[in-house]
Amino acid sequence: MSIAGVVLAAGSSSRLGRPKQTVVLDGETLVERAARVAQEARLSTVIAVVNPEGDFGHSLQRLGCLVVINEGFAEGMASSIRRGVAVAKMLKASGVVLMTCDQVAVTPEHLRALSEDTESIAGSGYAGKIGIPAYFPASSFDALQQLSGDVGAREMLRTARVVVNERLALDIDTEEDLARAEATTDAIASSAKPPRPLR
């Protein structure tokens, strides 16, 4: 099976006030960290969707990522999903794992658990919701390419299989979030447990 990872990294980081993609945590930028985790999950191709204003595309290419520019990033997350899925479709991927670069607790094991059942949509369970990272089989590509706005694939995840990981509730939107991530990264790494599927 050829499952692609799509790292959605085109956001403007308005709440943080600086590009979160280039924030350094434990010696690597957040976008490099996300790409590395996707590669360690043994996804066939890692597609990084970035905005034309970012200056981190070259570092991602050096890591072996396929970098895709999203000129319409101001629309919101859906535009990046459409761009990433279009490339995955062109590569004849059998599915995609959608992820962002600011959920610092994501692990290769979690991404693999999401794509265990290659025929069904699977989302991550945390903070009482189902969100990304999420897996979508190729049969979902057309629906993903119809998304619009900044809500992503939320509606498509309502009935998805769920893989719980409460640590994913920590994402970096503010300087306070970053401080929490810096304080807890070591603890996350040392206490990581295998994700457990709910349904």
N, C-alpha and C. Protein backbone atom coordinates (compact mmCIF):
# COMPACT_ATOMS: atom_id res chain seq x y z
N MET A 1 0.84 -1.19 0.00
CA MET A 1 0.00 0.00 0.00
C MET A 1 0.88 1.24 0.00
N SER A 2 0.49 2.22 -0.79
CA SER A 2 1.25 3.46 -0.91
C SER A 2 0.48 4.59 -0.21
N ILE A 3 0.79 4.80 1.06
CA ILE A 3 0.09 5.82 1.85
C ILE A 3 0.99 7.05 1.98
N ALA A 4 0.49 8.19 1.55
CA ALA A 4 1.26 9.43 1.60
C ALA A 4 0.96 10.20 2.87
N GLY A 5 1.96 10.87 3.38
CA GLY A 5 1.75 11.80 4.48
C GLY A 5 1.64 13.20 3.91
N VAL A 6 0.64 13.95 4.36
CA VAL A 6 0.47 15.34 3.92
C VAL A 6 0.60 16.23 5.15
N VAL A 7 1.70 16.99 5.20
CA VAL A 7 1.93 17.92 6.31
C VAL A 7 1.38 19.28 5.90
N LEU A 8 0.33 19.71 6.60
CA LEU A 8 -0.33 20.98 6.29
C LEU A 8 0.43 22.10 7.01
N ALA A 9 1.29 22.80 6.28
CA ALA A 9 2.20 23.77 6.90
C ALA A 9 2.16 25.11 6.19
N ALA A 10 0.97 25.51 5.71
CA ALA A 10 0.85 26.76 4.98
C ALA A 10 0.20 27.87 5.78
N GLY A 11 -0.14 27.59 7.03
CA GLY A 11 -0.84 28.59 7.84
C GLY A 11 0.02 29.81 8.14
N SER A 12 -0.65 30.91 8.47
CA SER A 12 0.06 32.18 8.70
C SER A 12 0.46 32.39 10.16
N SER A 13 0.04 31.49 11.06
CA SER A 13 0.42 31.56 12.49
C SER A 13 0.07 32.92 13.10
N SER A 14 -1.11 33.42 12.81
CA SER A 14 -1.48 34.78 13.25
C SER A 14 -1.51 34.91 14.77
N ARG A 15 -1.94 33.87 15.46
CA ARG A 15 -2.03 33.95 16.93
C ARG A 15 -0.65 33.93 17.58
N LEU A 16 0.28 33.20 16.97
CA LEU A 16 1.64 33.13 17.53
C LEU A 16 2.42 34.40 17.21
N GLY A 17 2.12 35.02 16.08
CA GLY A 17 2.81 36.25 15.71
C GLY A 17 4.11 36.04 14.97
N ARG A 18 4.46 34.80 14.69
CA ARG A 18 5.64 34.45 13.89
C ARG A 18 5.40 33.08 13.30
N PRO A 19 6.09 32.71 12.24
CA PRO A 19 5.81 31.42 11.59
C PRO A 19 6.09 30.25 12.54
N LYS A 20 5.05 29.54 12.92
CA LYS A 20 5.26 28.41 13.84
C LYS A 20 6.07 27.31 13.18
N GLN A 21 6.02 27.25 11.84
CA GLN A 21 6.73 26.20 11.12
C GLN A 21 8.23 26.22 11.42
N THR A 22 8.77 27.42 11.68
CA THR A 22 10.21 27.56 11.88
C THR A 22 10.61 27.66 13.35
N VAL A 23 9.63 27.53 14.25
CA VAL A 23 9.95 27.50 15.69
C VAL A 23 10.78 26.25 15.98
N VAL A 24 11.84 26.41 16.74
CA VAL A 24 12.74 25.30 17.04
C VAL A 24 12.38 24.67 18.38
N LEU A 25 12.22 23.36 18.37
CA LEU A 25 11.93 22.59 19.58
C LEU A 25 12.82 21.36 19.58
N ASP A 26 13.60 21.22 20.61
CA ASP A 26 14.53 20.09 20.70
C ASP A 26 15.46 19.99 19.49
N GLY A 27 15.92 21.14 19.02
CA GLY A 27 16.94 21.15 17.97
C GLY A 27 16.44 21.02 16.55
N GLU A 28 15.12 20.99 16.34
CA GLU A 28 14.59 20.94 14.98
C GLU A 28 13.36 21.82 14.89
N THR A 29 13.10 22.33 13.70
CA THR A 29 11.91 23.16 13.54
C THR A 29 10.66 22.28 13.61
N LEU A 30 9.54 22.92 13.90
CA LEU A 30 8.29 22.15 14.02
C LEU A 30 7.93 21.45 12.72
N VAL A 31 8.17 22.11 11.59
CA VAL A 31 7.81 21.48 10.32
C VAL A 31 8.76 20.33 10.00
N GLU A 32 10.03 20.48 10.36
CA GLU A 32 10.98 19.37 10.17
C GLU A 32 10.61 18.20 11.09
N ARG A 33 10.18 18.52 12.29
CA ARG A 33 9.77 17.48 13.25
C ARG A 33 8.60 16.67 12.69
N ALA A 34 7.60 17.38 12.16
CA ALA A 34 6.43 16.69 11.59
C ALA A 34 6.83 15.81 10.41
N ALA A 35 7.70 16.33 9.55
CA ALA A 35 8.14 15.55 8.39
C ALA A 35 8.91 14.31 8.84
N ARG A 36 9.74 14.47 9.86
CA ARG A 36 10.52 13.32 10.37
C ARG A 36 9.59 12.24 10.93
N VAL A 37 8.61 12.66 11.71
CA VAL A 37 7.68 11.68 12.30
C VAL A 37 6.94 10.93 11.19
N ALA A 38 6.51 11.66 10.16
CA ALA A 38 5.82 11.02 9.03
C ALA A 38 6.73 10.02 8.33
N GLN A 39 8.00 10.37 8.17
CA GLN A 39 8.94 9.45 7.54
C GLN A 39 9.18 8.24 8.42
N GLU A 40 9.28 8.45 9.73
CA GLU A 40 9.51 7.33 10.64
C GLU A 40 8.30 6.42 10.72
N ALA A 41 7.13 6.94 10.34
CA ALA A 41 5.93 6.11 10.28
C ALA A 41 5.90 5.25 9.02
N ARG A 42 6.93 5.40 8.19
CA ARG A 42 7.11 4.64 6.95
C ARG A 42 6.01 4.94 5.92
N LEU A 43 5.57 6.20 5.90
CA LEU A 43 4.66 6.61 4.84
C LEU A 43 5.45 6.70 3.54
N SER A 44 4.81 6.38 2.43
CA SER A 44 5.54 6.21 1.17
C SER A 44 6.15 7.52 0.67
N THR A 45 5.43 8.61 0.80
CA THR A 45 5.88 9.93 0.38
C THR A 45 5.40 10.93 1.41
N VAL A 46 6.23 11.92 1.72
CA VAL A 46 5.80 12.99 2.62
C VAL A 46 5.66 14.26 1.78
N ILE A 47 4.42 14.74 1.69
CA ILE A 47 4.11 15.94 0.92
C ILE A 47 3.92 17.08 1.91
N ALA A 48 4.74 18.12 1.80
CA ALA A 48 4.62 19.28 2.68
C ALA A 48 3.98 20.41 1.91
N VAL A 49 2.82 20.85 2.37
CA VAL A 49 2.11 21.95 1.71
C VAL A 49 2.47 23.24 2.45
N VAL A 50 3.13 24.17 1.77
CA VAL A 50 3.63 25.38 2.41
C VAL A 50 3.09 26.61 1.68
N ASN A 51 3.20 27.77 2.32
CA ASN A 51 2.76 28.99 1.66
C ASN A 51 3.94 29.65 0.93
N PRO A 52 3.67 30.50 -0.06
CA PRO A 52 4.76 31.07 -0.86
C PRO A 52 5.64 32.04 -0.08
N GLU A 53 5.21 32.44 1.11
CA GLU A 53 5.98 33.38 1.91
C GLU A 53 6.98 32.68 2.83
N GLY A 54 6.85 31.36 2.97
CA GLY A 54 7.73 30.62 3.86
C GLY A 54 9.12 30.45 3.26
N ASP A 55 10.11 30.33 4.13
CA ASP A 55 11.49 30.15 3.65
C ASP A 55 12.08 28.84 4.13
N PHE A 56 11.21 27.84 4.33
CA PHE A 56 11.68 26.57 4.89
C PHE A 56 11.53 25.41 3.90
N GLY A 57 11.14 25.71 2.66
CA GLY A 57 10.95 24.65 1.67
C GLY A 57 12.22 23.89 1.37
N HIS A 58 13.34 24.59 1.32
CA HIS A 58 14.60 23.92 0.97
C HIS A 58 15.02 22.91 2.04
N SER A 59 14.80 23.25 3.31
CA SER A 59 15.17 22.30 4.36
C SER A 59 14.30 21.05 4.28
N LEU A 60 13.03 21.22 3.90
CA LEU A 60 12.15 20.07 3.75
C LEU A 60 12.56 19.21 2.57
N GLN A 61 12.98 19.86 1.49
CA GLN A 61 13.46 19.09 0.33
C GLN A 61 14.69 18.28 0.70
N ARG A 62 15.56 18.87 1.51
CA ARG A 62 16.76 18.13 1.93
C ARG A 62 16.39 16.91 2.76
N LEU A 63 15.26 16.98 3.45
CA LEU A 63 14.79 15.84 4.23
C LEU A 63 14.10 14.79 3.36
N GLY A 64 13.93 15.10 2.08
CA GLY A 64 13.30 14.14 1.17
C GLY A 64 11.81 14.35 0.98
N CYS A 65 11.30 15.50 1.44
CA CYS A 65 9.87 15.79 1.27
C CYS A 65 9.60 16.33 -0.14
N LEU A 66 8.39 16.11 -0.58
CA LEU A 66 7.89 16.73 -1.80
C LEU A 66 7.19 18.01 -1.37
N VAL A 67 7.75 19.16 -1.73
CA VAL A 67 7.23 20.45 -1.27
C VAL A 67 6.26 21.02 -2.30
N VAL A 68 5.06 21.38 -1.83
CA VAL A 68 4.01 21.91 -2.69
C VAL A 68 3.62 23.30 -2.18
N ILE A 69 3.64 24.28 -3.07
CA ILE A 69 3.27 25.64 -2.70
C ILE A 69 1.76 25.82 -2.82
N ASN A 70 1.16 26.37 -1.77
CA ASN A 70 -0.27 26.67 -1.79
C ASN A 70 -0.45 28.19 -1.90
N GLU A 71 -0.68 28.65 -3.10
CA GLU A 71 -0.86 30.09 -3.33
C GLU A 71 -2.14 30.60 -2.67
N GLY A 72 -3.12 29.73 -2.47
CA GLY A 72 -4.39 30.15 -1.90
C GLY A 72 -4.50 29.88 -0.42
N PHE A 73 -3.38 29.91 0.30
CA PHE A 73 -3.36 29.52 1.71
C PHE A 73 -4.25 30.40 2.59
N ALA A 74 -4.50 31.63 2.15
CA ALA A 74 -5.30 32.56 2.97
C ALA A 74 -6.74 32.06 3.16
N GLU A 75 -7.20 31.16 2.28
CA GLU A 75 -8.55 30.61 2.42
C GLU A 75 -8.69 29.80 3.71
N GLY A 76 -7.62 29.12 4.10
CA GLY A 76 -7.68 28.28 5.28
C GLY A 76 -7.21 26.86 4.99
N MET A 77 -7.40 25.99 5.97
CA MET A 77 -6.85 24.64 5.91
C MET A 77 -7.34 23.84 4.71
N ALA A 78 -8.60 24.03 4.32
CA ALA A 78 -9.15 23.23 3.22
C ALA A 78 -8.34 23.39 1.94
N SER A 79 -7.84 24.58 1.69
CA SER A 79 -7.07 24.81 0.46
C SER A 79 -5.79 23.98 0.46
N SER A 80 -5.17 23.83 1.63
CA SER A 80 -3.96 23.01 1.73
C SER A 80 -4.28 21.53 1.60
N ILE A 81 -5.42 21.12 2.17
CA ILE A 81 -5.85 19.73 2.01
C ILE A 81 -6.05 19.41 0.53
N ARG A 82 -6.73 20.30 -0.17
CA ARG A 82 -6.98 20.06 -1.60
C ARG A 82 -5.67 19.94 -2.37
N ARG A 83 -4.71 20.82 -2.08
CA ARG A 83 -3.42 20.78 -2.78
C ARG A 83 -2.67 19.48 -2.48
N GLY A 84 -2.61 19.10 -1.21
CA GLY A 84 -1.89 17.88 -0.83
C GLY A 84 -2.53 16.64 -1.40
N VAL A 85 -3.85 16.56 -1.34
CA VAL A 85 -4.56 15.39 -1.85
C VAL A 85 -4.43 15.30 -3.37
N ALA A 86 -4.42 16.44 -4.05
CA ALA A 86 -4.25 16.43 -5.51
C ALA A 86 -2.92 15.79 -5.89
N VAL A 87 -1.88 16.10 -5.13
CA VAL A 87 -0.56 15.52 -5.42
C VAL A 87 -0.57 14.03 -5.08
N ALA A 88 -1.17 13.66 -3.95
CA ALA A 88 -1.26 12.24 -3.58
C ALA A 88 -2.02 11.46 -4.64
N LYS A 89 -3.07 12.06 -5.17
CA LYS A 89 -3.85 11.41 -6.21
C LYS A 89 -3.01 11.22 -7.48
N MET A 90 -2.24 12.24 -7.82
CA MET A 90 -1.36 12.16 -8.98
C MET A 90 -0.32 11.04 -8.81
N LEU A 91 0.12 10.84 -7.57
CA LEU A 91 1.10 9.79 -7.27
C LEU A 91 0.46 8.42 -7.11
N LYS A 92 -0.88 8.37 -7.28
CA LYS A 92 -1.64 7.12 -7.17
C LYS A 92 -1.53 6.51 -5.78
N ALA A 93 -1.52 7.37 -4.76
CA ALA A 93 -1.48 6.88 -3.38
C ALA A 93 -2.78 6.16 -3.05
N SER A 94 -2.70 5.15 -2.20
CA SER A 94 -3.88 4.40 -1.80
C SER A 94 -4.58 5.06 -0.61
N GLY A 95 -3.94 6.07 -0.02
CA GLY A 95 -4.52 6.79 1.10
C GLY A 95 -3.59 7.90 1.52
N VAL A 96 -4.09 8.78 2.40
CA VAL A 96 -3.26 9.86 2.93
C VAL A 96 -3.45 9.98 4.43
N VAL A 97 -2.39 10.37 5.11
CA VAL A 97 -2.46 10.78 6.50
C VAL A 97 -2.28 12.30 6.51
N LEU A 98 -3.30 13.02 6.94
CA LEU A 98 -3.23 14.47 7.05
C LEU A 98 -2.76 14.84 8.45
N MET A 99 -1.79 15.76 8.53
CA MET A 99 -1.27 16.18 9.82
C MET A 99 -0.80 17.62 9.74
N THR A 100 -0.70 18.28 10.89
CA THR A 100 -0.15 19.62 10.95
C THR A 100 1.25 19.54 11.56
N CYS A 101 1.89 20.70 11.69
CA CYS A 101 3.24 20.68 12.26
C CYS A 101 3.27 21.13 13.71
N ASP A 102 2.11 21.49 14.28
CA ASP A 102 2.14 22.06 15.62
C ASP A 102 1.67 21.12 16.72
N GLN A 103 1.34 19.87 16.38
CA GLN A 103 0.99 18.88 17.41
C GLN A 103 2.25 18.09 17.76
N VAL A 104 2.98 18.60 18.72
CA VAL A 104 4.34 18.10 18.96
C VAL A 104 4.37 16.72 19.59
N ALA A 105 3.24 16.23 20.08
CA ALA A 105 3.21 14.92 20.72
C ALA A 105 2.92 13.78 19.76
N VAL A 106 2.71 14.07 18.50
CA VAL A 106 2.40 13.01 17.55
C VAL A 106 3.60 12.09 17.38
N THR A 107 3.33 10.79 17.24
CA THR A 107 4.40 9.80 17.12
C THR A 107 4.21 8.97 15.86
N PRO A 108 5.27 8.32 15.38
CA PRO A 108 5.13 7.41 14.24
C PRO A 108 4.12 6.29 14.54
N GLU A 109 4.12 5.81 15.78
CA GLU A 109 3.21 4.73 16.15
C GLU A 109 1.75 5.17 16.01
N HIS A 110 1.47 6.40 16.38
CA HIS A 110 0.10 6.91 16.26
C HIS A 110 -0.30 6.99 14.79
N LEU A 111 0.58 7.49 13.94
CA LEU A 111 0.26 7.59 12.51
C LEU A 111 0.04 6.20 11.91
N ARG A 112 0.84 5.22 12.33
CA ARG A 112 0.65 3.86 11.81
C ARG A 112 -0.67 3.28 12.28
N ALA A 113 -1.06 3.58 13.53
CA ALA A 113 -2.34 3.07 14.04
C ALA A 113 -3.52 3.66 13.26
N LEU A 114 -3.40 4.90 12.85
CA LEU A 114 -4.47 5.53 12.07
C LEU A 114 -4.69 4.81 10.74
N SER A 115 -3.60 4.37 10.13
CA SER A 115 -3.70 3.78 8.79
C SER A 115 -3.70 2.26 8.80
N GLU A 116 -3.96 1.67 9.98
CA GLU A 116 -4.00 0.21 10.10
C GLU A 116 -5.07 -0.40 9.21
N ASP A 117 -6.26 0.16 9.26
CA ASP A 117 -7.35 -0.28 8.39
C ASP A 117 -7.35 0.65 7.18
N THR A 118 -6.80 0.17 6.09
CA THR A 118 -6.57 1.05 4.94
C THR A 118 -7.84 1.42 4.18
N GLU A 119 -8.95 0.78 4.52
CA GLU A 119 -10.20 1.05 3.79
C GLU A 119 -11.11 2.05 4.49
N SER A 120 -10.81 2.42 5.74
CA SER A 120 -11.74 3.28 6.48
C SER A 120 -11.05 4.55 6.98
N ILE A 121 -11.84 5.61 7.08
CA ILE A 121 -11.35 6.88 7.61
C ILE A 121 -11.09 6.71 9.11
N ALA A 122 -10.00 7.28 9.58
CA ALA A 122 -9.66 7.22 11.00
C ALA A 122 -9.16 8.58 11.45
N GLY A 123 -9.62 9.01 12.63
CA GLY A 123 -9.18 10.28 13.19
C GLY A 123 -8.59 10.10 14.57
N SER A 124 -7.98 11.16 15.07
CA SER A 124 -7.37 11.14 16.40
C SER A 124 -8.36 11.67 17.42
N GLY A 125 -8.47 10.97 18.54
CA GLY A 125 -9.38 11.38 19.61
C GLY A 125 -8.63 12.07 20.73
N TYR A 126 -9.03 13.32 21.03
CA TYR A 126 -8.44 14.07 22.13
C TYR A 126 -9.35 15.25 22.46
N ALA A 127 -9.36 15.65 23.72
CA ALA A 127 -10.13 16.80 24.19
C ALA A 127 -11.60 16.72 23.77
N GLY A 128 -12.15 15.50 23.77
CA GLY A 128 -13.55 15.33 23.47
C GLY A 128 -13.94 15.51 22.02
N LYS A 129 -12.98 15.45 21.11
CA LYS A 129 -13.28 15.62 19.69
C LYS A 129 -12.49 14.63 18.86
N ILE A 130 -12.83 14.54 17.59
CA ILE A 130 -12.09 13.73 16.63
C ILE A 130 -11.45 14.68 15.63
N GLY A 131 -10.14 14.63 15.52
CA GLY A 131 -9.45 15.57 14.65
C GLY A 131 -8.27 14.94 13.94
N ILE A 132 -7.37 15.81 13.49
CA ILE A 132 -6.17 15.32 12.84
C ILE A 132 -5.06 15.18 13.90
N PRO A 133 -4.07 14.36 13.59
CA PRO A 133 -3.85 13.59 12.36
C PRO A 133 -5.01 12.65 12.05
N ALA A 134 -5.23 12.46 10.76
CA ALA A 134 -6.32 11.59 10.33
C ALA A 134 -5.92 10.87 9.05
N TYR A 135 -6.49 9.68 8.89
CA TYR A 135 -6.22 8.87 7.69
C TYR A 135 -7.46 8.84 6.81
N PHE A 136 -7.24 8.98 5.50
CA PHE A 136 -8.32 8.91 4.52
C PHE A 136 -7.90 8.00 3.37
N PRO A 137 -8.70 6.98 3.07
CA PRO A 137 -8.40 6.12 1.91
C PRO A 137 -8.65 6.88 0.60
N ALA A 138 -8.14 6.33 -0.48
CA ALA A 138 -8.27 6.98 -1.78
C ALA A 138 -9.73 7.21 -2.17
N SER A 139 -10.62 6.37 -1.67
CA SER A 139 -12.05 6.55 -1.97
C SER A 139 -12.59 7.86 -1.41
N SER A 140 -11.85 8.51 -0.51
CA SER A 140 -12.26 9.79 0.09
C SER A 140 -11.66 10.99 -0.63
N PHE A 141 -10.77 10.75 -1.59
CA PHE A 141 -10.04 11.87 -2.19
C PHE A 141 -10.96 12.90 -2.85
N ASP A 142 -11.97 12.43 -3.58
CA ASP A 142 -12.86 13.37 -4.26
C ASP A 142 -13.58 14.27 -3.25
N ALA A 143 -14.04 13.67 -2.15
CA ALA A 143 -14.73 14.45 -1.12
C ALA A 143 -13.78 15.45 -0.47
N LEU A 144 -12.53 15.05 -0.23
CA LEU A 144 -11.54 15.96 0.35
C LEU A 144 -11.28 17.14 -0.58
N GLN A 145 -11.31 16.90 -1.87
CA GLN A 145 -11.04 17.97 -2.82
C GLN A 145 -12.23 18.92 -3.01
N GLN A 146 -13.36 18.60 -2.37
CA GLN A 146 -14.52 19.49 -2.39
C GLN A 146 -14.57 20.39 -1.15
N LEU A 147 -13.64 20.21 -0.21
CA LEU A 147 -13.67 21.00 1.02
C LEU A 147 -13.35 22.46 0.74
N SER A 148 -13.87 23.33 1.60
CA SER A 148 -13.58 24.76 1.45
C SER A 148 -13.53 25.40 2.83
N GLY A 149 -12.88 26.54 2.91
CA GLY A 149 -12.82 27.29 4.17
C GLY A 149 -11.74 26.81 5.12
N ASP A 150 -11.96 27.08 6.41
CA ASP A 150 -10.91 26.82 7.40
C ASP A 150 -11.29 25.74 8.40
N VAL A 151 -12.28 24.92 8.08
CA VAL A 151 -12.70 23.90 9.04
C VAL A 151 -12.10 22.53 8.74
N GLY A 152 -11.38 22.42 7.64
CA GLY A 152 -10.75 21.14 7.33
C GLY A 152 -11.76 20.05 7.05
N ALA A 153 -11.43 18.84 7.47
CA ALA A 153 -12.26 17.66 7.17
C ALA A 153 -13.10 17.23 8.37
N ARG A 154 -13.46 18.18 9.22
CA ARG A 154 -14.15 17.87 10.48
C ARG A 154 -15.41 17.03 10.27
N GLU A 155 -16.22 17.41 9.30
CA GLU A 155 -17.48 16.69 9.07
C GLU A 155 -17.22 15.24 8.65
N MET A 156 -16.18 15.02 7.87
CA MET A 156 -15.86 13.68 7.40
C MET A 156 -15.36 12.78 8.53
N LEU A 157 -14.94 13.39 9.62
CA LEU A 157 -14.40 12.61 10.74
C LEU A 157 -15.45 12.25 11.79
N ARG A 158 -16.65 12.74 11.65
CA ARG A 158 -17.67 12.53 12.68
C ARG A 158 -17.95 11.05 12.95
N THR A 159 -17.91 10.24 11.92
CA THR A 159 -18.20 8.81 12.08
C THR A 159 -16.96 7.95 11.87
N ALA A 160 -15.80 8.56 11.97
CA ALA A 160 -14.55 7.84 11.69
C ALA A 160 -14.17 6.90 12.83
N ARG A 161 -13.37 5.90 12.49
CA ARG A 161 -12.69 5.10 13.52
C ARG A 161 -11.78 6.05 14.30
N VAL A 162 -11.67 5.85 15.61
CA VAL A 162 -10.94 6.79 16.47
C VAL A 162 -9.72 6.11 17.10
N VAL A 163 -8.59 6.79 17.06
CA VAL A 163 -7.39 6.36 17.78
C VAL A 163 -7.10 7.44 18.81
N VAL A 164 -7.20 7.09 20.09
CA VAL A 164 -7.12 8.07 21.17
C VAL A 164 -5.67 8.41 21.51
N ASN A 165 -5.40 9.69 21.65
CA ASN A 165 -4.11 10.16 22.16
C ASN A 165 -4.34 11.56 22.73
N GLU A 166 -4.62 11.64 24.02
CA GLU A 166 -4.95 12.92 24.64
C GLU A 166 -3.80 13.92 24.59
N ARG A 167 -2.59 13.45 24.40
CA ARG A 167 -1.45 14.37 24.33
C ARG A 167 -1.53 15.29 23.11
N LEU A 168 -2.30 14.86 22.10
CA LEU A 168 -2.41 15.67 20.89
C LEU A 168 -3.22 16.94 21.11
N ALA A 169 -3.85 17.08 22.27
CA ALA A 169 -4.59 18.31 22.58
C ALA A 169 -3.65 19.51 22.67
N LEU A 170 -2.37 19.25 22.91
CA LEU A 170 -1.40 20.34 22.96
C LEU A 170 -0.92 20.66 21.55
N ASP A 171 -1.40 21.78 21.02
CA ASP A 171 -0.84 22.27 19.77
C ASP A 171 -0.35 23.70 20.00
N ILE A 172 0.54 24.14 19.16
CA ILE A 172 1.21 25.42 19.42
C ILE A 172 0.57 26.53 18.61
N ASP A 173 -0.28 27.30 19.31
CA ASP A 173 -0.91 28.47 18.71
C ASP A 173 -0.43 29.77 19.33
N THR A 174 0.08 29.69 20.56
CA THR A 174 0.51 30.89 21.29
C THR A 174 1.88 30.64 21.93
N GLU A 175 2.48 31.70 22.44
CA GLU A 175 3.76 31.56 23.14
C GLU A 175 3.59 30.70 24.40
N GLU A 176 2.40 30.80 25.03
CA GLU A 176 2.14 29.98 26.22
C GLU A 176 2.11 28.49 25.85
N ASP A 177 1.51 28.18 24.69
CA ASP A 177 1.50 26.80 24.21
C ASP A 177 2.92 26.30 23.98
N LEU A 178 3.75 27.17 23.40
CA LEU A 178 5.14 26.79 23.13
C LEU A 178 5.88 26.53 24.43
N ALA A 179 5.65 27.36 25.43
CA ALA A 179 6.30 27.15 26.73
C ALA A 179 5.89 25.81 27.32
N ARG A 180 4.59 25.46 27.19
CA ARG A 180 4.13 24.17 27.71
C ARG A 180 4.79 23.02 26.93
N ALA A 181 4.91 23.19 25.62
CA ALA A 181 5.53 22.14 24.80
C ALA A 181 6.98 21.94 25.19
N GLU A 182 7.69 23.04 25.41
CA GLU A 182 9.10 22.93 25.81
C GLU A 182 9.24 22.25 27.16
N ALA A 183 8.27 22.49 28.04
CA ALA A 183 8.34 21.90 29.39
C ALA A 183 7.95 20.43 29.40
N THR A 184 7.19 20.00 28.42
CA THR A 184 6.64 18.64 28.47
C THR A 184 7.19 17.70 27.41
N THR A 185 7.99 18.19 26.48
CA THR A 185 8.47 17.33 25.40
C THR A 185 9.21 16.10 25.93
N ASP A 186 10.08 16.31 26.89
CA ASP A 186 10.84 15.18 27.44
C ASP A 186 9.91 14.19 28.13
N ALA A 187 8.92 14.70 28.84
CA ALA A 187 7.98 13.82 29.53
C ALA A 187 7.15 13.02 28.54
N ILE A 188 6.76 13.67 27.45
CA ILE A 188 5.99 12.99 26.42
C ILE A 188 6.80 11.83 25.84
N ALA A 189 8.06 12.10 25.54
CA ALA A 189 8.90 11.08 24.93
C ALA A 189 9.13 9.90 25.87
N SER A 190 9.29 10.18 27.15
CA SER A 190 9.61 9.10 28.08
C SER A 190 8.39 8.29 28.52
N SER A 191 7.20 8.87 28.37
CA SER A 191 6.01 8.17 28.85
C SER A 191 5.07 7.75 27.73
N ALA A 192 5.57 7.77 26.49
CA ALA A 192 4.70 7.44 25.35
C ALA A 192 4.17 6.02 25.48
N LYS A 193 2.86 5.88 25.24
CA LYS A 193 2.22 4.57 25.26
C LYS A 193 1.60 4.30 23.90
N PRO A 194 1.45 3.04 23.52
CA PRO A 194 0.83 2.75 22.23
C PRO A 194 -0.60 3.29 22.19
N PRO A 195 -1.01 3.91 21.07
CA PRO A 195 -2.38 4.41 20.97
C PRO A 195 -3.37 3.26 20.99
N ARG A 196 -4.59 3.53 21.49
CA ARG A 196 -5.60 2.48 21.56
C ARG A 196 -6.80 2.86 20.71
N PRO A 197 -7.17 2.01 19.76
CA PRO A 197 -8.35 2.30 18.94
C PRO A 197 -9.64 2.12 19.74
N LEU A 198 -10.59 3.02 19.50
CA LEU A 198 -11.89 2.91 20.16
C LEU A 198 -12.91 2.18 19.30
N ARG A 199 -12.92 2.56 18.01
CA ARG A 199 -13.87 1.91 17.12
C ARG A 199 -13.33 1.91 15.72
